[in-house]
Amino acid sequence: MQHQARAQRLAGAMRQECLGVRIGRMHRLIGRTFENALRPVGISLPQLEVLSALTGVGRPIKPTELAELLFIDRSTMSRNLALMETKGWIRTTETSPTGRSLAVQIAGAGTVQLASAERAWRDAQKSVAASLGKDAVPTLDSWLAALRSD
């Protein structure tokens, strides 16, 4: 009976105040908007983010550095990069004489893919921004900065 009461208390608290649950739901709802917009272009939001980051960095970068930059776990980054390399969107370069250390960079086809997603991304961005309001981006940026500093 004690476990039942504690479980009920926790379930009630989570319904009323859990940030993790709410952020997870928001992530799924917003992600769905972007994924639906990007699907016809043939790219996912995480892939778009990687191509955008590689374009912004402008040089070969180690997958672990890229994962840290985007706050993505290394195994997820590896899977995304492998798929993107198969599609010809990125290429790998050796960074050590033994070939054991690799870096990735955007390929020409990746630049084309990124550019072709612009309209779909802008439509999804406009839709989400209209729902959340003009302060959404600066608010989220300040929350991210606060969490990074912890």
Foldseek 3Di string as FASTA:
>chain_A
DVVVVVVVVVVVCCVVPNPVVVVVVVCVVLQVLLQVLCVVLPDHPVLLVLLVVLVVVVDWAFLVVSCVVVVHDSVVSVVSVVVCVVVVQKDWDADDPVSPTITIHGDPVVVVSNVSCVVSNVVSVVVVCVVVDPCVVVVVVVVVVVVVVD
